[in-house]
Amino acid sequence: MSELRPVPDEVVTSEELAVLLKVSPSTVKRWRGEGMPWHPWGRRLVRFRVREVMCWLDEQDQHEKAA
């Protein structure tokens, strides 16, 4: 599998996001339940904007540091 190199506003699948962030697909699913931004893509599909996810992860890190 080739390395993913995100374009700032690239839209990716859950699996692609997991590879990009080097986490498991179940982590992506858990983060989505915790409020990570996602977008419906048709009736059943879900996609993520890399820039939004990276911003959300940065915010989560800042909240943890403040606690």
PDB file of N, CA and C in Angstrom:
ATOM      1  N   MET A   1       0.851  -1.171   0.000  1.00  0.00           N
ATOM      2  CA  MET A   1       0.000   0.000   0.000  1.00  0.00           C
ATOM      3  C   MET A   1       0.900   1.239   0.000  1.00  0.00           C
ATOM      4  N   SER A   2       0.563   2.206  -0.791  1.00  0.00           N
ATOM      5  CA  SER A   2       1.362   3.416  -0.856  1.00  0.00           C
ATOM      6  C   SER A   2       1.032   4.331   0.319  1.00  0.00           C
ATOM      7  N   GLU A   3       1.972   5.171   0.666  1.00  0.00           N
ATOM      8  CA  GLU A   3       1.779   6.118   1.761  1.00  0.00           C
ATOM      9  C   GLU A   3       0.802   7.207   1.340  1.00  0.00           C
ATOM     10  N   LEU A   4      -0.131   7.534   2.224  1.00  0.00           N
ATOM     11  CA  LEU A   4      -1.081   8.606   1.943  1.00  0.00           C
ATOM     12  C   LEU A   4      -0.452   9.942   2.304  1.00  0.00           C
ATOM     13  N   ARG A   5      -0.574  10.892   1.438  1.00  0.00           N
ATOM     14  CA  ARG A   5      -0.095  12.241   1.700  1.00  0.00           C
ATOM     15  C   ARG A   5      -1.277  13.182   1.547  1.00  0.00           C
ATOM     16  N   PRO A   6      -1.803  13.664   2.685  1.00  0.00           N
ATOM     17  CA  PRO A   6      -3.038  14.439   2.614  1.00  0.00           C
ATOM     18  C   PRO A   6      -2.858  15.814   1.987  1.00  0.00           C
ATOM     19  N   VAL A   7      -3.800  16.147   1.151  1.00  0.00           N
ATOM     20  CA  VAL A   7      -3.947  17.513   0.674  1.00  0.00           C
ATOM     21  C   VAL A   7      -4.740  18.201   1.769  1.00  0.00           C
ATOM     22  N   PRO A   8      -4.488  19.465   2.091  1.00  0.00           N
ATOM     23  CA  PRO A   8      -5.129  20.079   3.253  1.00  0.00           C
ATOM     24  C   PRO A   8      -6.634  19.855   3.379  1.00  0.00           C
ATOM     25  N   ASP A   9      -7.367  19.830   2.300  1.00  0.00           N
ATOM     26  CA  ASP A   9      -8.810  19.646   2.403  1.00  0.00           C
ATOM     27  C   ASP A   9      -9.250  18.331   1.772  1.00  0.00           C
ATOM     28  N   GLU A  10      -8.363  17.356   1.773  1.00  0.00           N
ATOM     29  CA  GLU A  10      -8.662  16.062   1.178  1.00  0.00           C
ATOM     30  C   GLU A  10      -9.775  15.359   1.954  1.00  0.00           C
ATOM     31  N   VAL A  11     -10.628  14.646   1.230  1.00  0.00           N
ATOM     32  CA  VAL A  11     -11.711  13.868   1.817  1.00  0.00           C
ATOM     33  C   VAL A  11     -11.305  12.400   1.740  1.00  0.00           C
ATOM     34  N   VAL A  12     -11.377  11.699   2.891  1.00  0.00           N
ATOM     35  CA  VAL A  12     -10.922  10.315   2.955  1.00  0.00           C
ATOM     36  C   VAL A  12     -11.966   9.432   3.629  1.00  0.00           C
ATOM     37  N   THR A  13     -11.816   8.134   3.424  1.00  0.00           N
ATOM     38  CA  THR A  13     -12.677   7.145   4.080  1.00  0.00           C
ATOM     39  C   THR A  13     -12.163   6.879   5.491  1.00  0.00           C
ATOM     40  N   SER A  14     -12.933   6.134   6.263  1.00  0.00           N
ATOM     41  CA  SER A  14     -12.507   5.741   7.612  1.00  0.00           C
ATOM     42  C   SER A  14     -11.215   4.950   7.572  1.00  0.00           C
ATOM     43  N   GLU A  15     -11.127   4.023   6.630  1.00  0.00           N
ATOM     44  CA  GLU A  15      -9.936   3.188   6.510  1.00  0.00           C
ATOM     45  C   GLU A  15      -8.714   4.018   6.122  1.00  0.00           C
ATOM     46  N   GLU A  16      -8.897   4.941   5.195  1.00  0.00           N
ATOM     47  CA  GLU A  16      -7.793   5.808   4.780  1.00  0.00           C
ATOM     48  C   GLU A  16      -7.345   6.703   5.928  1.00  0.00           C
ATOM     49  N   LEU A  17      -8.307   7.198   6.699  1.00  0.00           N
ATOM     50  CA  LEU A  17      -7.977   8.040   7.834  1.00  0.00           C
ATOM     51  C   LEU A  17      -7.190   7.260   8.874  1.00  0.00           C
ATOM     52  N   ALA A  18      -7.587   6.026   9.123  1.00  0.00           N
ATOM     53  CA  ALA A  18      -6.873   5.181  10.080  1.00  0.00           C
ATOM     54  C   ALA A  18      -5.416   4.981   9.644  1.00  0.00           C
ATOM     55  N   VAL A  19      -5.205   4.708   8.370  1.00  0.00           N
ATOM     56  CA  VAL A  19      -3.842   4.528   7.856  1.00  0.00           C
ATOM     57  C   VAL A  19      -3.057   5.825   7.986  1.00  0.00           C
ATOM     58  N   LEU A  20      -3.672   6.920   7.601  1.00  0.00           N
ATOM     59  CA  LEU A  20      -3.021   8.227   7.644  1.00  0.00           C
ATOM     60  C   LEU A  20      -2.574   8.581   9.068  1.00  0.00           C
ATOM     61  N   LEU A  21      -3.446   8.322  10.045  1.00  0.00           N
ATOM     62  CA  LEU A  21      -3.158   8.677  11.433  1.00  0.00           C
ATOM     63  C   LEU A  21      -2.440   7.574  12.194  1.00  0.00           C
ATOM     64  N   LYS A  22      -2.252   6.427  11.539  1.00  0.00           N
ATOM     65  CA  LYS A  22      -1.576   5.275  12.148  1.00  0.00           C
ATOM     66  C   LYS A  22      -2.296   4.810  13.403  1.00  0.00           C
ATOM     67  N   VAL A  23      -3.624   4.670  13.269  1.00  0.00           N
ATOM     68  CA  VAL A  23      -4.465   4.147  14.336  1.00  0.00           C
ATOM     69  C   VAL A  23      -5.333   3.044  13.742  1.00  0.00           C
ATOM     70  N   SER A  24      -6.029   2.324  14.593  1.00  0.00           N
ATOM     71  CA  SER A  24      -6.912   1.270  14.106  1.00  0.00           C
ATOM     72  C   SER A  24      -8.238   1.864  13.625  1.00  0.00           C
ATOM     73  N   PRO A  25      -8.927   1.142  12.746  1.00  0.00           N
ATOM     74  CA  PRO A  25     -10.258   1.601  12.321  1.00  0.00           C
ATOM     75  C   PRO A  25     -11.224   1.750  13.502  1.00  0.00           C
ATOM     76  N   SER A  26     -11.057   0.917  14.529  1.00  0.00           N
ATOM     77  CA  SER A  26     -11.944   1.044  15.695  1.00  0.00           C
ATOM     78  C   SER A  26     -11.681   2.351  16.445  1.00  0.00           C
ATOM     79  N   THR A  27     -10.455   2.855  16.426  1.00  0.00           N
ATOM     80  CA  THR A  27     -10.153   4.151  17.041  1.00  0.00           C
ATOM     81  C   THR A  27     -10.863   5.266  16.282  1.00  0.00           C
ATOM     82  N   VAL A  28     -10.850   5.193  14.959  1.00  0.00           N
ATOM     83  CA  VAL A  28     -11.556   6.192  14.152  1.00  0.00           C
ATOM     84  C   VAL A  28     -13.043   6.163  14.492  1.00  0.00           C
ATOM     85  N   LYS A  29     -13.594   4.966  14.631  1.00  0.00           N
ATOM     86  CA  LYS A  29     -15.013   4.836  14.973  1.00  0.00           C
ATOM     87  C   LYS A  29     -15.298   5.418  16.360  1.00  0.00           C
ATOM     88  N   ARG A  30     -14.419   5.158  17.316  1.00  0.00           N
ATOM     89  CA  ARG A  30     -14.589   5.684  18.671  1.00  0.00           C
ATOM     90  C   ARG A  30     -14.503   7.210  18.665  1.00  0.00           C
ATOM     91  N   TRP A  31     -13.510   7.753  17.968  1.00  0.00           N
ATOM     92  CA  TRP A  31     -13.364   9.207  17.886  1.00  0.00           C
ATOM     93  C   TRP A  31     -14.592   9.854  17.258  1.00  0.00           C
ATOM     94  N   ARG A  32     -15.141   9.187  16.254  1.00  0.00           N
ATOM     95  CA  ARG A  32     -16.357   9.719  15.626  1.00  0.00           C
ATOM     96  C   ARG A  32     -17.473   9.825  16.662  1.00  0.00           C
ATOM     97  N   GLY A  33     -17.600   8.817  17.515  1.00  0.00           N
ATOM     98  CA  GLY A  33     -18.592   8.854  18.589  1.00  0.00           C
ATOM     99  C   GLY A  33     -18.312   9.921  19.623  1.00  0.00           C
ATOM    100  N   GLU A  34     -17.040  10.326  19.731  1.00  0.00           N
ATOM    101  CA  GLU A  34     -16.640  11.361  20.684  1.00  0.00           C
ATOM    102  C   GLU A  34     -16.755  12.766  20.101  1.00  0.00           C
ATOM    103  N   GLY A  35     -17.199  12.858  18.842  1.00  0.00           N
ATOM    104  CA  GLY A  35     -17.435  14.169  18.263  1.00  0.00           C
ATOM    105  C   GLY A  35     -16.514  14.579  17.137  1.00  0.00           C
ATOM    106  N   MET A  36     -15.656  13.675  16.679  1.00  0.00           N
ATOM    107  CA  MET A  36     -14.790  14.010  15.551  1.00  0.00           C
ATOM    108  C   MET A  36     -15.667  14.343  14.340  1.00  0.00           C
ATOM    109  N   PRO A  37     -15.339  15.425  13.628  1.00  0.00           N
ATOM    110  CA  PRO A  37     -16.188  15.820  12.493  1.00  0.00           C
ATOM    111  C   PRO A  37     -16.157  14.795  11.358  1.00  0.00           C
ATOM    112  N   TRP A  38     -17.335  14.572  10.788  1.00  0.00           N
ATOM    113  CA  TRP A  38     -17.481  13.655   9.654  1.00  0.00           C
ATOM    114  C   TRP A  38     -18.599  14.174   8.768  1.00  0.00           C
ATOM    115  N   HIS A  39     -18.667  13.627   7.570  1.00  0.00           N
ATOM    116  CA  HIS A  39     -19.670  14.070   6.607  1.00  0.00           C
ATOM    117  C   HIS A  39     -20.357  12.864   5.983  1.00  0.00           C
ATOM    118  N   PRO A  40     -21.694  12.893   5.917  1.00  0.00           N
ATOM    119  CA  PRO A  40     -22.395  11.823   5.209  1.00  0.00           C
ATOM    120  C   PRO A  40     -22.082  11.907   3.723  1.00  0.00           C
ATOM    121  N   TRP A  41     -21.932  10.772   3.105  1.00  0.00           N
ATOM    122  CA  TRP A  41     -21.585  10.687   1.688  1.00  0.00           C
ATOM    123  C   TRP A  41     -22.581   9.721   1.070  1.00  0.00           C
ATOM    124  N   GLY A  42     -23.682  10.237   0.628  1.00  0.00           N
ATOM    125  CA  GLY A  42     -24.764   9.364   0.175  1.00  0.00           C
ATOM    126  C   GLY A  42     -25.593   8.943   1.374  1.00  0.00           C
ATOM    127  N   ARG A  43     -26.226   7.793   1.259  1.00  0.00           N
ATOM    128  CA  ARG A  43     -27.116   7.352   2.335  1.00  0.00           C
ATOM    129  C   ARG A  43     -26.391   6.637   3.464  1.00  0.00           C
ATOM    130  N   ARG A  44     -25.335   5.890   3.154  1.00  0.00           N
ATOM    131  CA  ARG A  44     -24.684   5.071   4.176  1.00  0.00           C
ATOM    132  C   ARG A  44     -23.210   5.385   4.402  1.00  0.00           C
ATOM    133  N   LEU A  45     -22.593   6.041   3.475  1.00  0.00           N
ATOM    134  CA  LEU A  45     -21.154   6.247   3.554  1.00  0.00           C
ATOM    135  C   LEU A  45     -20.792   7.457   4.410  1.00  0.00           C
ATOM    136  N   VAL A  46     -19.615   7.390   4.991  1.00  0.00           N
ATOM    137  CA  VAL A  46     -19.087   8.464   5.820  1.00  0.00           C
ATOM    138  C   VAL A  46     -17.720   8.858   5.275  1.00  0.00           C
ATOM    139  N   ARG A  47     -17.450  10.143   5.220  1.00  0.00           N
ATOM    140  CA  ARG A  47     -16.138  10.635   4.787  1.00  0.00           C
ATOM    141  C   ARG A  47     -15.655  11.674   5.795  1.00  0.00           C
ATOM    142  N   PHE A  48     -14.359  11.888   5.796  1.00  0.00           N
ATOM    143  CA  PHE A  48     -13.719  12.815   6.719  1.00  0.00           C
ATOM    144  C   PHE A  48     -12.863  13.795   5.935  1.00  0.00           C
ATOM    145  N   ARG A  49     -12.915  15.074   6.316  1.00  0.00           N
ATOM    146  CA  ARG A  49     -11.997  16.070   5.761  1.00  0.00           C
ATOM    147  C   ARG A  49     -10.772  16.094   6.669  1.00  0.00           C
ATOM    148  N   VAL A  50      -9.621  15.815   6.078  1.00  0.00           N
ATOM    149  CA  VAL A  50      -8.402  15.679   6.863  1.00  0.00           C
ATOM    150  C   VAL A  50      -8.140  16.925   7.706  1.00  0.00           C
ATOM    151  N   ARG A  51      -8.306  18.092   7.134  1.00  0.00           N
ATOM    152  CA  ARG A  51      -8.038  19.338   7.869  1.00  0.00           C
ATOM    153  C   ARG A  51      -8.923  19.440   9.113  1.00  0.00           C
ATOM    154  N   GLU A  52     -10.204  19.122   8.986  1.00  0.00           N
ATOM    155  CA  GLU A  52     -11.124  19.196  10.121  1.00  0.00           C
ATOM    156  C   GLU A  52     -10.734  18.205  11.215  1.00  0.00           C
ATOM    157  N   VAL A  53     -10.367  17.004  10.809  1.00  0.00           N
ATOM    158  CA  VAL A  53      -9.974  15.979  11.777  1.00  0.00           C
ATOM    159  C   VAL A  53      -8.709  16.405  12.514  1.00  0.00           C
ATOM    160  N   MET A  54      -7.731  16.933  11.792  1.00  0.00           N
ATOM    161  CA  MET A  54      -6.486  17.359  12.426  1.00  0.00           C
ATOM    162  C   MET A  54      -6.749  18.493  13.420  1.00  0.00           C
ATOM    163  N   CYS A  55      -7.612  19.428  13.077  1.00  0.00           N
ATOM    164  CA  CYS A  55      -7.979  20.508  13.996  1.00  0.00           C
ATOM    165  C   CYS A  55      -8.677  19.949  15.228  1.00  0.00           C
ATOM    166  N   TRP A  56      -9.578  18.996  15.031  1.00  0.00           N
ATOM    167  CA  TRP A  56     -10.298  18.386  16.140  1.00  0.00           C
ATOM    168  C   TRP A  56      -9.327  17.668  17.071  1.00  0.00           C
ATOM    169  N   LEU A  57      -8.381  16.927  16.504  1.00  0.00           N
ATOM    170  CA  LEU A  57      -7.397  16.221  17.320  1.00  0.00           C
ATOM    171  C   LEU A  57      -6.541  17.208  18.111  1.00  0.00           C
ATOM    172  N   ASP A  58      -6.165  18.321  17.500  1.00  0.00           N
ATOM    173  CA  ASP A  58      -5.407  19.354  18.213  1.00  0.00           C
ATOM    174  C   ASP A  58      -6.211  19.916  19.380  1.00  0.00           C
ATOM    175  N   GLU A  59      -7.504  20.142  19.162  1.00  0.00           N
ATOM    176  CA  GLU A  59      -8.373  20.650  20.236  1.00  0.00           C
ATOM    177  C   GLU A  59      -8.461  19.645  21.380  1.00  0.00           C
ATOM    178  N   GLN A  60      -8.570  18.377  21.047  1.00  0.00           N
ATOM    179  CA  GLN A  60      -8.656  17.333  22.088  1.00  0.00           C
ATOM    180  C   GLN A  60      -7.375  17.311  22.911  1.00  0.00           C
ATOM    181  N   ASP A  61      -6.253  17.478  22.242  1.00  0.00           N
ATOM    182  CA  ASP A  61      -4.955  17.492  22.925  1.00  0.00           C
ATOM    183  C   ASP A  61      -4.864  18.691  23.855  1.00  0.00           C
ATOM    184  N   GLN A  62      -5.360  19.840  23.426  1.00  0.00           N
ATOM    185  CA  GLN A  62      -5.330  21.048  24.260  1.00  0.00           C
ATOM    186  C   GLN A  62      -6.229  20.881  25.486  1.00  0.00           C
ATOM    187  N   HIS A  63      -7.384  20.238  25.322  1.00  0.00           N
ATOM    188  CA  HIS A  63      -8.284  20.004  26.462  1.00  0.00           C
ATOM    189  C   HIS A  63      -7.640  19.089  27.480  1.00  0.00           C
ATOM    190  N   GLU A  64      -6.936  18.057  27.005  1.00  0.00           N
ATOM    191  CA  GLU A  64      -6.274  17.127  27.918  1.00  0.00           C
ATOM    192  C   GLU A  64      -5.176  17.823  28.694  1.00  0.00           C
ATOM    193  N   LYS A  65      -4.430  18.703  28.043  1.00  0.00           N
ATOM    194  CA  LYS A  65      -3.343  19.425  28.706  1.00  0.00           C
ATOM    195  C   LYS A  65      -3.881  20.397  29.755  1.00  0.00           C
ATOM    196  N   ALA A  66      -5.066  20.963  29.501  1.00  0.00           N
ATOM    197  CA  ALA A  66      -5.655  21.932  30.423  1.00  0.00           C
ATOM    198  C   ALA A  66      -6.271  21.244  31.652  1.00  0.00           C
ATOM    199  N   ALA A  67      -6.635  19.987  31.495  1.00  0.00           N
ATOM    200  CA  ALA A  67      -7.314  19.274  32.596  1.00  0.00           C
ATOM    201  C   ALA A  67      -6.366  18.837  33.683  1.00  0.00           C
TER     202      ALA A  67
END
